[in-house]
C-alpha atoms as a PDB file:
ATOM      1  CA  MET A   1     -31.663 -76.608 101.443  1.00  0.00           C
ATOM      2  CA  LYS A   2     -31.220 -74.677 104.643  1.00  0.00           C
ATOM      3  CA  THR A   3     -32.383 -71.105 104.363  1.00  0.00           C
ATOM      4  CA  GLN A   4     -32.498 -68.728 107.238  1.00  0.00           C
ATOM      5  CA  ASN A   5     -32.684 -71.478 109.929  1.00  0.00           C
ATOM      6  CA  SER A   6     -35.206 -73.526 107.981  1.00  0.00           C
ATOM      7  CA  TYR A   7     -34.676 -77.226 107.658  1.00  0.00           C
ATOM      8  CA  LYS A   8     -36.251 -79.791 105.361  1.00  0.00           C
ATOM      9  CA  ILE A   9     -37.225 -83.024 107.153  1.00  0.00           C
ATOM     10  CA  GLY A  10     -34.135 -84.837 106.018  1.00  0.00           C
ATOM     11  CA  GLN A  11     -31.917 -82.119 107.374  1.00  0.00           C
ATOM     12  CA  LEU A  12     -33.911 -82.069 110.591  1.00  0.00           C
ATOM     13  CA  ALA A  13     -33.419 -85.869 110.921  1.00  0.00           C
ATOM     14  CA  SER A  14     -29.701 -85.425 110.368  1.00  0.00           C
ATOM     15  CA  VAL A  15     -29.389 -82.711 113.004  1.00  0.00           C
ATOM     16  CA  THR A  16     -31.455 -84.533 115.597  1.00  0.00           C
ATOM     17  CA  GLY A  17     -30.319 -88.120 114.915  1.00  0.00           C
ATOM     18  CA  LEU A  18     -33.965 -89.169 114.379  1.00  0.00           C
ATOM     19  CA  THR A  19     -35.367 -90.868 111.375  1.00  0.00           C
ATOM     20  CA  VAL A  20     -37.672 -89.079 108.913  1.00  0.00           C
ATOM     21  CA  ASP A  21     -40.357 -91.592 109.836  1.00  0.00           C
ATOM     22  CA  THR A  22     -39.987 -90.801 113.571  1.00  0.00           C
ATOM     23  CA  ILE A  23     -40.256 -87.039 112.947  1.00  0.00           C
ATOM     24  CA  ARG A  24     -43.395 -87.630 110.741  1.00  0.00           C
ATOM     25  CA  PHE A  25     -44.809 -89.819 113.543  1.00  0.00           C
ATOM     26  CA  TYR A  26     -44.206 -87.083 116.109  1.00  0.00           C
ATOM     27  CA  GLU A  27     -45.825 -84.608 113.754  1.00  0.00           C
ATOM     28  CA  SER A  28     -48.841 -86.835 113.349  1.00  0.00           C
ATOM     29  CA  LYS A  29     -49.171 -86.964 117.129  1.00  0.00           C
ATOM     30  CA  GLY A  30     -49.076 -83.178 117.360  1.00  0.00           C
ATOM     31  CA  LEU A  31     -45.740 -82.986 119.109  1.00  0.00           C
ATOM     32  CA  ILE A  32     -44.240 -80.728 116.485  1.00  0.00           C
ATOM     33  CA  THR A  33     -45.668 -78.695 113.643  1.00  0.00           C
ATOM     34  CA  PRO A  34     -43.654 -77.440 110.720  1.00  0.00           C
ATOM     35  CA  ALA A  35     -43.469 -73.696 110.733  1.00  0.00           C
ATOM     36  CA  THR A  36     -44.019 -73.136 106.970  1.00  0.00           C
ATOM     37  CA  ARG A  37     -43.717 -74.700 103.618  1.00  0.00           C
ATOM     38  CA  SER A  38     -41.254 -73.851 100.932  1.00  0.00           C
ATOM     39  CA  ALA A  39     -42.308 -72.582  97.545  1.00  0.00           C
ATOM     40  CA  SER A  40     -42.002 -76.131  96.203  1.00  0.00           C
ATOM     41  CA  GLY A  41     -44.215 -77.516  99.002  1.00  0.00           C
ATOM     42  CA  TYR A  42     -41.546 -78.988 101.411  1.00  0.00           C
ATOM     43  CA  ARG A  43     -42.352 -78.719 105.053  1.00  0.00           C
ATOM     44  CA  LEU A  44     -39.806 -76.392 106.684  1.00  0.00           C
ATOM     45  CA  TYR A  45     -38.754 -76.774 110.295  1.00  0.00           C
ATOM     46  CA  SER A  46     -37.089 -74.311 112.579  1.00  0.00           C
ATOM     47  CA  GLN A  47     -34.550 -74.237 115.414  1.00  0.00           C
ATOM     48  CA  VAL A  48     -37.581 -74.435 117.724  1.00  0.00           C
ATOM     49  CA  ASP A  49     -38.467 -77.832 116.215  1.00  0.00           C
ATOM     50  CA  ILE A  50     -34.914 -79.026 116.807  1.00  0.00           C
ATOM     51  CA  THR A  51     -35.153 -77.929 120.467  1.00  0.00           C
ATOM     52  CA  THR A  52     -38.539 -79.609 120.763  1.00  0.00           C
ATOM     53  CA  LEU A  53     -37.326 -82.842 119.208  1.00  0.00           C
ATOM     54  CA  GLN A  54     -34.326 -82.822 121.574  1.00  0.00           C
ATOM     55  CA  PHE A  55     -36.713 -82.294 124.516  1.00  0.00           C
ATOM     56  CA  ILE A  56     -38.863 -85.237 123.292  1.00  0.00           C
ATOM     57  CA  GLN A  57     -35.755 -87.499 123.005  1.00  0.00           C
ATOM     58  CA  ARG A  58     -34.617 -86.632 126.552  1.00  0.00           C
ATOM     59  CA  ALA A  59     -38.065 -87.121 127.993  1.00  0.00           C
ATOM     60  CA  LYS A  60     -38.290 -90.514 126.289  1.00  0.00           C
ATOM     61  CA  GLN A  61     -34.869 -91.453 127.641  1.00  0.00           C
ATOM     62  CA  VAL A  62     -36.143 -91.011 131.233  1.00  0.00           C
ATOM     63  CA  GLY A  63     -39.265 -93.006 130.548  1.00  0.00           C
ATOM     64  CA  PHE A  64     -42.047 -90.619 129.692  1.00  0.00           C
ATOM     65  CA  THR A  65     -44.631 -91.811 127.216  1.00  0.00           C
ATOM     66  CA  LEU A  66     -45.529 -89.703 124.183  1.00  0.00           C
ATOM     67  CA  ASP A  67     -48.818 -88.751 125.873  1.00  0.00           C
ATOM     68  CA  GLU A  68     -46.912 -87.580 128.960  1.00  0.00           C
ATOM     69  CA  ILE A  69     -44.439 -85.770 126.780  1.00  0.00           C
ATOM     70  CA  HIS A  70     -47.330 -84.019 125.054  1.00  0.00           C
ATOM     71  CA  GLU A  71     -48.484 -82.787 128.446  1.00  0.00           C
ATOM     72  CA  LEU A  72     -44.978 -81.673 129.435  1.00  0.00           C
ATOM     73  CA  LEU A  73     -44.653 -79.773 126.219  1.00  0.00           C
ATOM     74  CA  ALA A  74     -47.955 -78.001 126.953  1.00  0.00           C
ATOM     75  CA  LEU A  75     -46.505 -77.025 130.331  1.00  0.00           C
ATOM     76  CA  LYS A  76     -43.258 -75.839 128.624  1.00  0.00           C
ATOM     77  CA  LEU A  77     -45.245 -73.832 126.099  1.00  0.00           C
ATOM     78  CA  HIS A  78     -47.127 -71.919 128.834  1.00  0.00           C
ATOM     79  CA  PRO A  79     -44.833 -71.922 131.871  1.00  0.00           C
ATOM     80  CA  ASP A  80     -46.338 -68.866 133.403  1.00  0.00           C
ATOM     81  CA  ASP A  81     -49.722 -70.729 133.644  1.00  0.00           C
ATOM     82  CA  HIS A  82     -48.157 -73.569 135.696  1.00  0.00           C
ATOM     83  CA  THR A  83     -45.999 -74.090 138.766  1.00  0.00           C
ATOM     84  CA  CYS A  84     -42.825 -76.087 139.232  1.00  0.00           C
ATOM     85  CA  GLU A  85     -44.880 -78.213 141.644  1.00  0.00           C
ATOM     86  CA  GLU A  86     -47.111 -79.310 138.747  1.00  0.00           C
ATOM     87  CA  VAL A  87     -44.119 -80.145 136.674  1.00  0.00           C
ATOM     88  CA  LYS A  88     -42.471 -82.023 139.528  1.00  0.00           C
ATOM     89  CA  GLN A  89     -45.619 -84.032 140.045  1.00  0.00           C
ATOM     90  CA  TYR A  90     -45.002 -85.572 136.576  1.00  0.00           C
ATOM     91  CA  THR A  91     -41.667 -86.972 137.728  1.00  0.00           C
ATOM     92  CA  ALA A  92     -43.165 -88.174 141.024  1.00  0.00           C
ATOM     93  CA  ASP A  93     -45.960 -89.973 139.122  1.00  0.00           C
ATOM     94  CA  LYS A  94     -43.421 -91.517 136.748  1.00  0.00           C
ATOM     95  CA  MET A  95     -41.175 -92.616 139.593  1.00  0.00           C
ATOM     96  CA  GLN A  96     -44.115 -94.283 141.302  1.00  0.00           C
ATOM     97  CA  GLU A  97     -44.962 -96.071 138.055  1.00  0.00           C
ATOM     98  CA  VAL A  98     -41.393 -97.224 137.632  1.00  0.00           C
ATOM     99  CA  ASN A  99     -41.189 -98.401 141.232  1.00  0.00           C
ATOM    100  CA  GLU A 100     -44.379-100.462 140.696  1.00  0.00           C
ATOM    101  CA  LYS A 101     -42.876-101.955 137.531  1.00  0.00           C
ATOM    102  CA  ILE A 102     -39.698-102.793 139.413  1.00  0.00           C
ATOM    103  CA  ALA A 103     -41.679-104.486 142.106  1.00  0.00           C
ATOM    104  CA  GLU A 104     -43.581-106.550 139.566  1.00  0.00           C
ATOM    105  CA  LEU A 105     -40.288-107.544 137.791  1.00  0.00           C
ATOM    106  CA  VAL A 106     -38.779-108.561 141.195  1.00  0.00           C
ATOM    107  CA  ARG A 107     -41.874-110.715 141.877  1.00  0.00           C
ATOM    108  CA  ILE A 108     -41.621-112.320 138.430  1.00  0.00           C
ATOM    109  CA  ARG A 109     -37.855-112.950 138.901  1.00  0.00           C
ATOM    110  CA  ASP A 110     -38.442-114.492 142.296  1.00  0.00           C
ATOM    111  CA  SER A 111     -41.233-116.729 140.874  1.00  0.00           C
ATOM    112  CA  LEU A 112     -38.973-117.789 138.027  1.00  0.00           C
ATOM    113  CA  GLN A 113     -36.161-118.465 140.450  1.00  0.00           C
ATOM    114  CA  ALA A 114     -38.494-120.675 142.659  1.00  0.00           C
ATOM    115  CA  LEU A 115     -39.586-122.573 139.537  1.00  0.00           C
ATOM    116  CA  HIS A 116     -36.002-122.976 138.405  1.00  0.00           C
ATOM    117  CA  ASN A 117     -34.899-124.216 141.784  1.00  0.00           C
ATOM    118  CA  VAL A 118     -37.475-127.034 142.056  1.00  0.00           C
ATOM    119  CA  CYS A 119     -36.440-128.707 138.795  1.00  0.00           C
ATOM    120  CA  CYS A 120     -33.676-131.239 138.707  1.00  0.00           C
ATOM    121  CA  GLY A 121     -33.004-130.402 135.064  1.00  0.00           C
ATOM    122  CA  GLY A 122     -32.149-133.967 134.153  1.00  0.00           C
ATOM    123  CA  ASN A 123     -32.444-135.818 130.889  1.00  0.00           C
ATOM    124  CA  GLU A 124     -35.550-137.739 131.946  1.00  0.00           C
ATOM    125  CA  SER A 125     -38.982-137.115 130.330  1.00  0.00           C
ATOM    126  CA  ALA A 126     -40.808-133.904 131.115  1.00  0.00           C
ATOM    127  CA  ALA A 127     -43.893-135.951 131.954  1.00  0.00           C
ATOM    128  CA  HIS A 128     -43.091-135.430 135.638  1.00  0.00           C
ATOM    129  CA  CYS A 129     -41.273-132.096 135.420  1.00  0.00           C
ATOM    130  CA  SER A 130     -41.718-130.149 138.593  1.00  0.00           C
ATOM    131  CA  ILE A 131     -41.828-126.852 136.765  1.00  0.00           C
ATOM    132  CA  LEU A 132     -44.749-127.960 134.596  1.00  0.00           C
ATOM    133  CA  GLN A 133     -46.517-129.409 137.583  1.00  0.00           C
ATOM    134  CA  MET A 134     -46.102-126.206 139.585  1.00  0.00           C
ATOM    135  CA  LEU A 135     -47.405-124.123 136.623  1.00  0.00           C
ATOM    136  CA  ASP A 136     -50.355-126.413 136.371  1.00  0.00           C
ATOM    137  CA  THR A 137     -51.216-125.963 140.099  1.00  0.00           C
ATOM    138  CA  VAL A 138     -53.265-123.000 141.312  1.00  0.00           C
ATOM    139  CA  ASP A 139     -51.577-120.610 143.723  1.00  0.00           C
ATOM    140  CA  THR A 140     -48.149-122.224 143.685  1.00  0.00           C
ATOM    141  CA  LEU A 141     -46.173-119.066 143.028  1.00  0.00           C
END
C-alpha cells in the first residue's frame, strides 16, 4: 500500500503506465533505485522514481537509447557540474544519427524502387526475373 509517498512496484507501474517487468529492467540497468524496503521486504519507490521514469519515457520517445538516457540522467543529477552546451550536444549527436539513418532508409527505398521498376511482374517463371538477376549482379544498385 501507499504510505507517505511510497509506492510498491505494482503501484509505480500503474502510475507510470509501464509494466512491472520494464521497471525491473530499468532498475537492473541502474536507471532507478528503490529508496527503501518495507518491513515485509517490498521495494518502495518514491515520487522521485516516478519523475525519473517519466523522464526515461520521454527520452525514449525522442529516440535516446538507454545508455544515452543513463548519461542524461547523470547530467540531470548533477546539473551544476555541467553546461547546457553539454546537454544540447546530446540532442545534436542524436539528430546527426537520425539524419544518417534517414539517409540510409532513403537509399534503401530508392534501391527497392529501382528493383521494383525493372520487373514486369508477370506470371512467367522467375527463372529470368530481372529483380533476381540484378540482386545477383555486383554493383547494380
